[in-house]
PDB file of N, CA and C in Angstrom:
ATOM      1  N   MET A   1      40.628  12.275  -0.750  1.00  0.00           N
ATOM      2  CA  MET A   1      39.292  12.151  -0.240  1.00  0.00           C
ATOM      3  C   MET A   1      39.115  10.725   0.276  1.00  0.00           C
ATOM      4  N   ARG A   2      38.460  10.598   1.390  1.00  0.00           N
ATOM      5  CA  ARG A   2      38.202   9.293   1.992  1.00  0.00           C
ATOM      6  C   ARG A   2      36.707   9.016   1.946  1.00  0.00           C
ATOM      7  N   ILE A   3      36.332   7.821   1.503  1.00  0.00           N
ATOM      8  CA  ILE A   3      34.919   7.414   1.463  1.00  0.00           C
ATOM      9  C   ILE A   3      34.555   6.875   2.835  1.00  0.00           C
ATOM     10  N   THR A   4      33.582   7.499   3.493  1.00  0.00           N
ATOM     11  CA  THR A   4      33.178   7.082   4.834  1.00  0.00           C
ATOM     12  C   THR A   4      31.830   6.380   4.859  1.00  0.00           C
ATOM     13  N   HIS A   5      30.983   6.647   3.854  1.00  0.00           N
ATOM     14  CA  HIS A   5      29.649   6.054   3.805  1.00  0.00           C
ATOM     15  C   HIS A   5      29.302   5.682   2.366  1.00  0.00           C
ATOM     16  N   VAL A   6      28.690   4.538   2.214  1.00  0.00           N
ATOM     17  CA  VAL A   6      28.120   4.117   0.938  1.00  0.00           C
ATOM     18  C   VAL A   6      26.635   3.908   1.205  1.00  0.00           C
ATOM     19  N   VAL A   7      25.795   4.531   0.378  1.00  0.00           N
ATOM     20  CA  VAL A   7      24.354   4.519   0.625  1.00  0.00           C
ATOM     21  C   VAL A   7      23.637   3.790  -0.499  1.00  0.00           C
ATOM     22  N   ALA A   8      22.821   2.813  -0.138  1.00  0.00           N
ATOM     23  CA  ALA A   8      21.983   2.110  -1.104  1.00  0.00           C
ATOM     24  C   ALA A   8      20.552   2.624  -0.955  1.00  0.00           C
ATOM     25  N   SER A   9      19.962   3.034  -2.052  1.00  0.00           N
ATOM     26  CA  SER A   9      18.582   3.518  -2.001  1.00  0.00           C
ATOM     27  C   SER A   9      17.590   2.365  -1.986  1.00  0.00           C
ATOM     28  N   HIS A  10      17.972   1.244  -2.600  1.00  0.00           N
ATOM     29  CA  HIS A  10      17.118   0.059  -2.643  1.00  0.00           C
ATOM     30  C   HIS A  10      17.932  -1.107  -3.188  1.00  0.00           C
ATOM     31  N   VAL A  11      17.395  -2.293  -3.021  1.00  0.00           N
ATOM     32  CA  VAL A  11      18.051  -3.491  -3.523  1.00  0.00           C
ATOM     33  C   VAL A  11      17.734  -3.606  -5.009  1.00  0.00           C
ATOM     34  N   HIS A  12      18.762  -3.854  -5.803  1.00  0.00           N
ATOM     35  CA  HIS A  12      18.599  -3.999  -7.250  1.00  0.00           C
ATOM     36  C   HIS A  12      18.501  -5.476  -7.590  1.00  0.00           C
ATOM     37  N   ASN A  13      17.353  -5.891  -8.113  1.00  0.00           N
ATOM     38  CA  ASN A  13      17.181  -7.283  -8.515  1.00  0.00           C
ATOM     39  C   ASN A  13      17.333  -7.462 -10.022  1.00  0.00           C
ATOM     40  N   ASP A  14      17.491  -6.360 -10.741  1.00  0.00           N
ATOM     41  CA  ASP A  14      17.541  -6.443 -12.193  1.00  0.00           C
ATOM     42  C   ASP A  14      18.908  -6.109 -12.783  1.00  0.00           C
ATOM     43  N   HIS A  15      19.860  -5.703 -11.956  1.00  0.00           N
ATOM     44  CA  HIS A  15      21.212  -5.461 -12.437  1.00  0.00           C
ATOM     45  C   HIS A  15      22.190  -5.478 -11.264  1.00  0.00           C
ATOM     46  N   VAL A  16      23.454  -5.522 -11.581  1.00  0.00           N
ATOM     47  CA  VAL A  16      24.498  -5.612 -10.561  1.00  0.00           C
ATOM     48  C   VAL A  16      24.989  -4.207 -10.217  1.00  0.00           C
ATOM     49  N   THR A  17      25.175  -3.956  -8.927  1.00  0.00           N
ATOM     50  CA  THR A  17      25.749  -2.698  -8.489  1.00  0.00           C
ATOM     51  C   THR A  17      26.996  -2.993  -7.664  1.00  0.00           C
ATOM     52  N   GLY A  18      27.806  -1.992  -7.447  1.00  0.00           N
ATOM     53  CA  GLY A  18      29.060  -2.200  -6.719  1.00  0.00           C
ATOM     54  C   GLY A  18      29.068  -1.588  -5.337  1.00  0.00           C
ATOM     55  N   ASP A  19      27.891  -1.251  -4.802  1.00  0.00           N
ATOM     56  CA  ASP A  19      27.868  -0.554  -3.512  1.00  0.00           C
ATOM     57  C   ASP A  19      28.432  -1.388  -2.372  1.00  0.00           C
ATOM     58  N   LEU A  20      28.057  -2.650  -2.290  1.00  0.00           N
ATOM     59  CA  LEU A  20      28.566  -3.494  -1.214  1.00  0.00           C
ATOM     60  C   LEU A  20      30.082  -3.654  -1.323  1.00  0.00           C
ATOM     61  N   GLU A  21      30.583  -3.908  -2.521  1.00  0.00           N
ATOM     62  CA  GLU A  21      32.030  -4.069  -2.712  1.00  0.00           C
ATOM     63  C   GLU A  21      32.771  -2.777  -2.391  1.00  0.00           C
ATOM     64  N   LEU A  22      32.222  -1.634  -2.787  1.00  0.00           N
ATOM     65  CA  LEU A  22      32.850  -0.353  -2.469  1.00  0.00           C
ATOM     66  C   LEU A  22      32.934  -0.161  -0.956  1.00  0.00           C
ATOM     67  N   ALA A  23      31.868  -0.491  -0.240  1.00  0.00           N
ATOM     68  CA  ALA A  23      31.899  -0.392   1.225  1.00  0.00           C
ATOM     69  C   ALA A  23      32.955  -1.323   1.811  1.00  0.00           C
ATOM     70  N   ARG A  24      33.041  -2.528   1.275  1.00  0.00           N
ATOM     71  CA  ARG A  24      34.024  -3.495   1.783  1.00  0.00           C
ATOM     72  C   ARG A  24      35.458  -3.019   1.586  1.00  0.00           C
ATOM     73  N   ILE A  25      35.789  -2.559   0.389  1.00  0.00           N
ATOM     74  CA  ILE A  25      37.190  -2.230   0.122  1.00  0.00           C
ATOM     75  C   ILE A  25      37.618  -0.906   0.750  1.00  0.00           C
ATOM     76  N   THR A  26      36.671  -0.039   1.058  1.00  0.00           N
ATOM     77  CA  THR A  26      37.026   1.240   1.671  1.00  0.00           C
ATOM     78  C   THR A  26      36.836   1.245   3.181  1.00  0.00           C
ATOM     79  N   GLY A  27      36.116   0.245   3.711  1.00  0.00           N
ATOM     80  CA  GLY A  27      35.811   0.228   5.136  1.00  0.00           C
ATOM     81  C   GLY A  27      34.715   1.207   5.516  1.00  0.00           C
ATOM     82  N   ALA A  28      33.977   1.686   4.513  1.00  0.00           N
ATOM     83  CA  ALA A  28      32.908   2.660   4.758  1.00  0.00           C
ATOM     84  C   ALA A  28      31.683   1.997   5.369  1.00  0.00           C
ATOM     85  N   ALA A  29      30.902   2.785   6.090  1.00  0.00           N
ATOM     86  CA  ALA A  29      29.617   2.308   6.598  1.00  0.00           C
ATOM     87  C   ALA A  29      28.690   2.095   5.405  1.00  0.00           C
ATOM     88  N   TYR A  30      27.982   0.972   5.395  1.00  0.00           N
ATOM     89  CA  TYR A  30      27.081   0.624   4.289  1.00  0.00           C
ATOM     90  C   TYR A  30      25.646   0.834   4.765  1.00  0.00           C
ATOM     91  N   LEU A  31      25.053   1.949   4.347  1.00  0.00           N
ATOM     92  CA  LEU A  31      23.700   2.310   4.765  1.00  0.00           C
ATOM     93  C   LEU A  31      22.689   1.712   3.795  1.00  0.00           C
ATOM     94  N   VAL A  32      21.758   0.927   4.324  1.00  0.00           N
ATOM     95  CA  VAL A  32      20.767   0.219   3.511  1.00  0.00           C
ATOM     96  C   VAL A  32      19.406   0.354   4.191  1.00  0.00           C
ATOM     97  N   PRO A  33      18.325   0.529   3.420  1.00  0.00           N
ATOM     98  CA  PRO A  33      17.001   0.576   4.042  1.00  0.00           C
ATOM     99  C   PRO A  33      16.792  -0.613   4.982  1.00  0.00           C
ATOM    100  N   ALA A  34      16.268  -0.339   6.166  1.00  0.00           N
ATOM    101  CA  ALA A  34      16.141  -1.358   7.209  1.00  0.00           C
ATOM    102  C   ALA A  34      15.298  -2.547   6.780  1.00  0.00           C
ATOM    103  N   ASP A  35      14.278  -2.330   5.969  1.00  0.00           N
ATOM    104  CA  ASP A  35      13.402  -3.438   5.594  1.00  0.00           C
ATOM    105  C   ASP A  35      13.805  -4.117   4.283  1.00  0.00           C
ATOM    106  N   ALA A  36      14.975  -3.783   3.762  1.00  0.00           N
ATOM    107  CA  ALA A  36      15.493  -4.472   2.570  1.00  0.00           C
ATOM    108  C   ALA A  36      16.097  -5.803   2.994  1.00  0.00           C
ATOM    109  N   ASN A  37      15.936  -6.805   2.175  1.00  0.00           N
ATOM    110  CA  ASN A  37      16.482  -8.122   2.467  1.00  0.00           C
ATOM    111  C   ASN A  37      17.918  -8.188   1.957  1.00  0.00           C
ATOM    112  N   VAL A  38      18.845  -7.816   2.839  1.00  0.00           N
ATOM    113  CA  VAL A  38      20.265  -7.794   2.481  1.00  0.00           C
ATOM    114  C   VAL A  38      21.007  -8.658   3.502  1.00  0.00           C
ATOM    115  N   PRO A  39      21.633  -9.745   3.036  1.00  0.00           N
ATOM    116  CA  PRO A  39      22.288 -10.663   3.967  1.00  0.00           C
ATOM    117  C   PRO A  39      23.677 -10.235   4.406  1.00  0.00           C
ATOM    118  N   SER A  40      24.137  -9.070   4.007  1.00  0.00           N
ATOM    119  CA  SER A  40      25.494  -8.642   4.333  1.00  0.00           C
ATOM    120  C   SER A  40      25.495  -7.680   5.522  1.00  0.00           C
ATOM    121  N   ALA A  41      26.686  -7.420   6.021  1.00  0.00           N
ATOM    122  CA  ALA A  41      26.838  -6.445   7.100  1.00  0.00           C
ATOM    123  C   ALA A  41      26.400  -5.084   6.579  1.00  0.00           C
ATOM    124  N   ARG A  42      25.630  -4.375   7.367  1.00  0.00           N
ATOM    125  CA  ARG A  42      25.105  -3.078   6.937  1.00  0.00           C
ATOM    126  C   ARG A  42      24.681  -2.261   8.136  1.00  0.00           C
ATOM    127  N   VAL A  43      24.419  -1.000   7.892  1.00  0.00           N
ATOM    128  CA  VAL A  43      23.821  -0.111   8.883  1.00  0.00           C
ATOM    129  C   VAL A  43      22.396   0.134   8.402  1.00  0.00           C
ATOM    130  N   PRO A  44      21.404  -0.458   9.069  1.00  0.00           N
ATOM    131  CA  PRO A  44      20.027  -0.264   8.614  1.00  0.00           C
ATOM    132  C   PRO A  44      19.535   1.148   8.908  1.00  0.00           C
ATOM    133  N   VAL A  45      18.858   1.754   7.929  1.00  0.00           N
ATOM    134  CA  VAL A  45      18.283   3.081   8.115  1.00  0.00           C
ATOM    135  C   VAL A  45      16.791   3.032   7.816  1.00  0.00           C
ATOM    136  N   SER A  46      16.028   3.764   8.599  1.00  0.00           N
ATOM    137  CA  SER A  46      14.579   3.844   8.443  1.00  0.00           C
ATOM    138  C   SER A  46      14.178   5.290   8.213  1.00  0.00           C
ATOM    139  N   ASP A  47      12.955   5.487   7.766  1.00  0.00           N
ATOM    140  CA  ASP A  47      12.431   6.821   7.510  1.00  0.00           C
ATOM    141  C   ASP A  47      12.679   7.737   8.701  1.00  0.00           C
ATOM    142  N   GLY A  48      13.326   8.869   8.451  1.00  0.00           N
ATOM    143  CA  GLY A  48      13.600   9.848   9.499  1.00  0.00           C
ATOM    144  C   GLY A  48      14.940   9.705  10.186  1.00  0.00           C
ATOM    145  N   ASP A  49      15.624   8.572   9.997  1.00  0.00           N
ATOM    146  CA  ASP A  49      16.945   8.406  10.602  1.00  0.00           C
ATOM    147  C   ASP A  49      17.916   9.418  10.005  1.00  0.00           C
ATOM    148  N   THR A  50      18.817   9.914  10.843  1.00  0.00           N
ATOM    149  CA  THR A  50      19.837  10.859  10.400  1.00  0.00           C
ATOM    150  C   THR A  50      21.208  10.309  10.751  1.00  0.00           C
ATOM    151  N   VAL A  51      22.117  10.393   9.798  1.00  0.00           N
ATOM    152  CA  VAL A  51      23.500   9.956   9.989  1.00  0.00           C
ATOM    153  C   VAL A  51      24.389  11.156   9.741  1.00  0.00           C
ATOM    154  N   THR A  52      25.280  11.441  10.691  1.00  0.00           N
ATOM    155  CA  THR A  52      26.227  12.544  10.510  1.00  0.00           C
ATOM    156  C   THR A  52      27.486  12.012   9.845  1.00  0.00           C
ATOM    157  N   VAL A  53      27.900  12.682   8.795  1.00  0.00           N
ATOM    158  CA  VAL A  53      29.098  12.301   8.068  1.00  0.00           C
ATOM    159  C   VAL A  53      30.265  13.078   8.657  1.00  0.00           C
ATOM    160  N   GLU A  54      31.178  12.292   9.298  1.00  0.00           N
ATOM    161  CA  GLU A  54      32.294  12.913  10.010  1.00  0.00           C
ATOM    162  C   GLU A  54      31.731  13.934  10.990  1.00  0.00           C
ATOM    163  N   GLU A  55      32.191  15.162  10.930  1.00  0.00           N
ATOM    164  CA  GLU A  55      31.674  16.203  11.831  1.00  0.00           C
ATOM    165  C   GLU A  55      30.966  17.277  11.038  1.00  0.00           C
ATOM    166  N   GLY A  56      30.452  16.904   9.871  1.00  0.00           N
ATOM    167  CA  GLY A  56      29.860  17.899   8.990  1.00  0.00           C
ATOM    168  C   GLY A  56      28.434  17.605   8.594  1.00  0.00           C
ATOM    169  N   PRO A  57      28.234  17.331   7.307  1.00  0.00           N
ATOM    170  CA  PRO A  57      26.871  17.189   6.788  1.00  0.00           C
ATOM    171  C   PRO A  57      26.145  15.982   7.361  1.00  0.00           C
ATOM    172  N   GLN A  58      24.836  16.026   7.243  1.00  0.00           N
ATOM    173  CA  GLN A  58      23.994  14.930   7.708  1.00  0.00           C
ATOM    174  C   GLN A  58      23.250  14.339   6.516  1.00  0.00           C
ATOM    175  N   LEU A  59      22.984  13.040   6.594  1.00  0.00           N
ATOM    176  CA  LEU A  59      22.132  12.354   5.630  1.00  0.00           C
ATOM    177  C   LEU A  59      20.868  11.927   6.374  1.00  0.00           C
ATOM    178  N   ARG A  60      19.709  12.326   5.854  1.00  0.00           N
ATOM    179  CA  ARG A  60      18.428  11.939   6.464  1.00  0.00           C
ATOM    180  C   ARG A  60      17.712  10.987   5.519  1.00  0.00           C
ATOM    181  N   ALA A  61      17.317   9.837   6.043  1.00  0.00           N
ATOM    182  CA  ALA A  61      16.593   8.846   5.253  1.00  0.00           C
ATOM    183  C   ALA A  61      15.123   9.263   5.139  1.00  0.00           C
ATOM    184  N   VAL A  62      14.609   9.217   3.907  1.00  0.00           N
ATOM    185  CA  VAL A  62      13.209   9.545   3.651  1.00  0.00           C
ATOM    186  C   VAL A  62      12.604   8.382   2.869  1.00  0.00           C
ATOM    187  N   ALA A  63      11.622   7.717   3.450  1.00  0.00           N
ATOM    188  CA  ALA A  63      10.959   6.612   2.759  1.00  0.00           C
ATOM    189  C   ALA A  63      10.261   7.148   1.514  1.00  0.00           C
ATOM    190  N   THR A  64      10.585   6.561   0.360  1.00  0.00           N
ATOM    191  CA  THR A  64       9.973   6.957  -0.906  1.00  0.00           C
ATOM    192  C   THR A  64       9.596   5.697  -1.675  1.00  0.00           C
ATOM    193  N   PRO A  65       8.684   4.907  -1.118  1.00  0.00           N
ATOM    194  CA  PRO A  65       8.310   3.662  -1.792  1.00  0.00           C
ATOM    195  C   PRO A  65       7.731   3.949  -3.169  1.00  0.00           C
ATOM    196  N   GLY A  66       8.011   3.055  -4.065  1.00  0.00           N
ATOM    197  CA  GLY A  66       7.530   3.204  -5.438  1.00  0.00           C
ATOM    198  C   GLY A  66       7.639   1.864  -6.107  1.00  0.00           C
ATOM    199  N   HIS A  67       8.551   1.729  -7.065  1.00  0.00           N
ATOM    200  CA  HIS A  67       8.660   0.427  -7.709  1.00  0.00           C
ATOM    201  C   HIS A  67       9.289  -0.612  -6.787  1.00  0.00           C
ATOM    202  N   ILE A  68       9.875  -0.170  -5.694  1.00  0.00           N
ATOM    203  CA  ILE A  68      10.372  -1.061  -4.637  1.00  0.00           C
ATOM    204  C   ILE A  68       9.798  -0.544  -3.314  1.00  0.00           C
ATOM    205  N   PRO A  69       9.125  -1.382  -2.532  1.00  0.00           N
ATOM    206  CA  PRO A  69       8.486  -0.899  -1.301  1.00  0.00           C
ATOM    207  C   PRO A  69       9.445  -0.270  -0.290  1.00  0.00           C
ATOM    208  N   HIS A  70      10.710  -0.718  -0.276  1.00  0.00           N
ATOM    209  CA  HIS A  70      11.659  -0.193   0.720  1.00  0.00           C
ATOM    210  C   HIS A  70      12.519   0.953   0.182  1.00  0.00           C
ATOM    211  N   HIS A  71      12.211   1.473  -0.997  1.00  0.00           N
ATOM    212  CA  HIS A  71      13.038   2.534  -1.590  1.00  0.00           C
ATOM    213  C   HIS A  71      13.174   3.710  -0.622  1.00  0.00           C
ATOM    214  N   THR A  72      14.389   4.210  -0.477  1.00  0.00           N
ATOM    215  CA  THR A  72      14.682   5.303   0.452  1.00  0.00           C
ATOM    216  C   THR A  72      15.537   6.354  -0.252  1.00  0.00           C
ATOM    217  N   THR A  73      15.150   7.602  -0.119  1.00  0.00           N
ATOM    218  CA  THR A  73      15.924   8.725  -0.636  1.00  0.00           C
ATOM    219  C   THR A  73      16.781   9.266   0.501  1.00  0.00           C
ATOM    220  N   SER A  74      17.987   9.700   0.194  1.00  0.00           N
ATOM    221  CA  SER A  74      18.865  10.317   1.192  1.00  0.00           C
ATOM    222  C   SER A  74      18.928  11.812   0.938  1.00  0.00           C
ATOM    223  N   VAL A  75      18.574  12.595   1.945  1.00  0.00           N
ATOM    224  CA  VAL A  75      18.619  14.054   1.835  1.00  0.00           C
ATOM    225  C   VAL A  75      19.870  14.537   2.548  1.00  0.00           C
ATOM    226  N   LEU A  76      20.721  15.248   1.818  1.00  0.00           N
ATOM    227  CA  LEU A  76      21.953  15.792   2.377  1.00  0.00           C
ATOM    228  C   LEU A  76      21.671  17.174   2.924  1.00  0.00           C
ATOM    229  N   ALA A  77      22.049  17.396   4.178  1.00  0.00           N
ATOM    230  CA  ALA A  77      21.861  18.712   4.802  1.00  0.00           C
ATOM    231  C   ALA A  77      23.191  19.208   5.334  1.00  0.00           C
ATOM    232  N   GLU A  78      23.424  20.487   5.157  1.00  0.00           N
ATOM    233  CA  GLU A  78      24.592  21.145   5.721  1.00  0.00           C
ATOM    234  C   GLU A  78      24.101  22.204   6.691  1.00  0.00           C
ATOM    235  N   GLN A  79      24.557  22.106   7.920  1.00  0.00           N
ATOM    236  CA  GLN A  79      24.125  23.018   8.985  1.00  0.00           C
ATOM    237  C   GLN A  79      22.602  23.051   9.087  1.00  0.00           C
ATOM    238  N   GLY A  80      21.980  21.876   8.897  1.00  0.00           N
ATOM    239  CA  GLY A  80      20.537  21.744   9.039  1.00  0.00           C
ATOM    240  C   GLY A  80      19.719  22.106   7.814  1.00  0.00           C
ATOM    241  N   ASP A  81      20.346  22.661   6.791  1.00  0.00           N
ATOM    242  CA  ASP A  81      19.633  23.060   5.583  1.00  0.00           C
ATOM    243  C   ASP A  81      19.797  22.008   4.493  1.00  0.00           C
ATOM    244  N   PRO A  82      18.700  21.490   3.923  1.00  0.00           N
ATOM    245  CA  PRO A  82      18.830  20.510   2.849  1.00  0.00           C
ATOM    246  C   PRO A  82      19.464  21.138   1.612  1.00  0.00           C
ATOM    247  N   VAL A  83      20.427  20.419   1.016  1.00  0.00           N
ATOM    248  CA  VAL A  83      21.114  20.941  -0.162  1.00  0.00           C
ATOM    249  C   VAL A  83      21.036  19.989  -1.356  1.00  0.00           C
ATOM    250  N   ALA A  84      20.716  18.726  -1.122  1.00  0.00           N
ATOM    251  CA  ALA A  84      20.636  17.764  -2.217  1.00  0.00           C
ATOM    252  C   ALA A  84      19.815  16.565  -1.781  1.00  0.00           C
ATOM    253  N   ALA A  85      19.254  15.881  -2.762  1.00  0.00           N
ATOM    254  CA  ALA A  85      18.540  14.632  -2.507  1.00  0.00           C
ATOM    255  C   ALA A  85      19.089  13.580  -3.464  1.00  0.00           C
ATOM    256  N   PHE A  86      19.428  12.440  -2.918  1.00  0.00           N
ATOM    257  CA  PHE A  86      19.951  11.327  -3.703  1.00  0.00           C
ATOM    258  C   PHE A  86      18.865  10.264  -3.767  1.00  0.00           C
ATOM    259  N   THR A  87      18.278  10.111  -4.937  1.00  0.00           N
ATOM    260  CA  THR A  87      17.121   9.230  -5.081  1.00  0.00           C
ATOM    261  C   THR A  87      17.493   7.814  -5.470  1.00  0.00           C
ATOM    262  N   GLY A  88      18.652   7.646  -6.082  1.00  0.00           N
ATOM    263  CA  GLY A  88      19.033   6.311  -6.521  1.00  0.00           C
ATOM    264  C   GLY A  88      18.229   5.850  -7.717  1.00  0.00           C
ATOM    265  N   ALA A  89      17.580   6.766  -8.392  1.00  0.00           N
ATOM    266  CA  ALA A  89      16.764   6.415  -9.556  1.00  0.00           C
ATOM    267  C   ALA A  89      17.239   7.223 -10.756  1.00  0.00           C
ATOM    268  N   SER A  90      16.734   6.867 -11.899  1.00  0.00           N
ATOM    269  CA  SER A  90      17.104   7.553 -13.130  1.00  0.00           C
ATOM    270  C   SER A  90      16.112   8.656 -13.454  1.00  0.00           C
ATOM    271  N   LEU A  91      16.599   9.686 -14.100  1.00  0.00           N
ATOM    272  CA  LEU A  91      15.734  10.734 -14.621  1.00  0.00           C
ATOM    273  C   LEU A  91      15.327  10.308 -16.020  1.00  0.00           C
ATOM    274  N   LEU A  92      14.043  10.102 -16.231  1.00  0.00           N
ATOM    275  CA  LEU A  92      13.547   9.641 -17.516  1.00  0.00           C
ATOM    276  C   LEU A  92      12.767  10.767 -18.182  1.00  0.00           C
ATOM    277  N   ILE A  93      13.131  11.082 -19.409  1.00  0.00           N
ATOM    278  CA  ILE A  93      12.469  12.152 -20.151  1.00  0.00           C
ATOM    279  C   ILE A  93      11.803  11.557 -21.376  1.00  0.00           C
ATOM    280  N   ASP A  94      10.513  11.869 -21.560  1.00  0.00           N
ATOM    281  CA  ASP A  94       9.725  11.373 -22.697  1.00  0.00           C
ATOM    282  C   ASP A  94       9.680   9.853 -22.761  1.00  0.00           C
ATOM    283  N   THR A  95       9.642   9.205 -21.614  1.00  0.00           N
ATOM    284  CA  THR A  95       9.551   7.752 -21.564  1.00  0.00           C
ATOM    285  C   THR A  95       8.964   7.343 -20.216  1.00  0.00           C
ATOM    286  N   VAL A  96       8.844   6.065 -19.981  1.00  0.00           N
ATOM    287  CA  VAL A  96       8.320   5.568 -18.708  1.00  0.00           C
ATOM    288  C   VAL A  96       9.273   4.517 -18.162  1.00  0.00           C
ATOM    289  N   ASP A  97       9.206   4.310 -16.867  1.00  0.00           N
ATOM    290  CA  ASP A  97      10.000   3.291 -16.205  1.00  0.00           C
ATOM    291  C   ASP A  97       9.206   1.992 -16.218  1.00  0.00           C
ATOM    292  N   ARG A  98       9.834   0.919 -15.852  1.00  0.00           N
ATOM    293  CA  ARG A  98       9.128  -0.353 -15.766  1.00  0.00           C
ATOM    294  C   ARG A  98       8.129  -0.312 -14.618  1.00  0.00           C
ATOM    295  N   PRO A  99       7.106  -1.140 -14.637  1.00  0.00           N
ATOM    296  CA  PRO A  99       6.161  -1.186 -13.528  1.00  0.00           C
ATOM    297  C   PRO A  99       6.787  -1.881 -12.325  1.00  0.00           C
ATOM    298  N   ASP A 100       6.126  -1.788 -11.206  1.00  0.00           N
ATOM    299  CA  ASP A 100       6.588  -2.421  -9.986  1.00  0.00           C
ATOM    300  C   ASP A 100       6.670  -3.928 -10.184  1.00  0.00           C
ATOM    301  N   LEU A 101       7.856  -4.494 -10.040  1.00  0.00           N
ATOM    302  CA  LEU A 101       8.043  -5.932 -10.248  1.00  0.00           C
ATOM    303  C   LEU A 101       7.904  -6.748  -8.980  1.00  0.00           C
ATOM    304  N   VAL A 102       7.713  -6.103  -7.838  1.00  0.00           N
ATOM    305  CA  VAL A 102       7.617  -6.865  -6.595  1.00  0.00           C
ATOM    306  C   VAL A 102       6.207  -6.931  -6.043  1.00  0.00           C
ATOM    307  N   ASP A 103       5.263  -6.233  -6.631  1.00  0.00           N
ATOM    308  CA  ASP A 103       3.884  -6.240  -6.174  1.00  0.00           C
ATOM    309  C   ASP A 103       3.140  -7.382  -6.860  1.00  0.00           C
ATOM    310  N   PRO A 104       2.579  -8.317  -6.082  1.00  0.00           N
ATOM    311  CA  PRO A 104       1.879  -9.457  -6.690  1.00  0.00           C
ATOM    312  C   PRO A 104       0.741  -9.043  -7.627  1.00  0.00           C
ATOM    313  N   ALA A 105       0.155  -7.863  -7.406  1.00  0.00           N
ATOM    314  CA  ALA A 105      -0.947  -7.416  -8.264  1.00  0.00           C
ATOM    315  C   ALA A 105      -0.419  -7.076  -9.637  1.00  0.00           C
TER     316      ALA A 105
END
């Protein structure tokens, strides 16, 4: 299997992720929300943008602001039909997530 795309849902300021390094070592396209402050080489994606993976499935960017204003979900579609959504967030059961750390309020 060859990695062709690495997708970041949002910039992580509270922990380290390996998405940029994975894109670098594999030569994959690094898809990052367009309004995220990322100083590295990337393919900026905005709400509604669609990227075709090879000659098959498509990834559609969906703006899902929440604890990060630029948070973006990627919807995977095969032959135009959505089959999965990659939120880049955790599923929390019987607990709460931290509040928005980037909102001055």
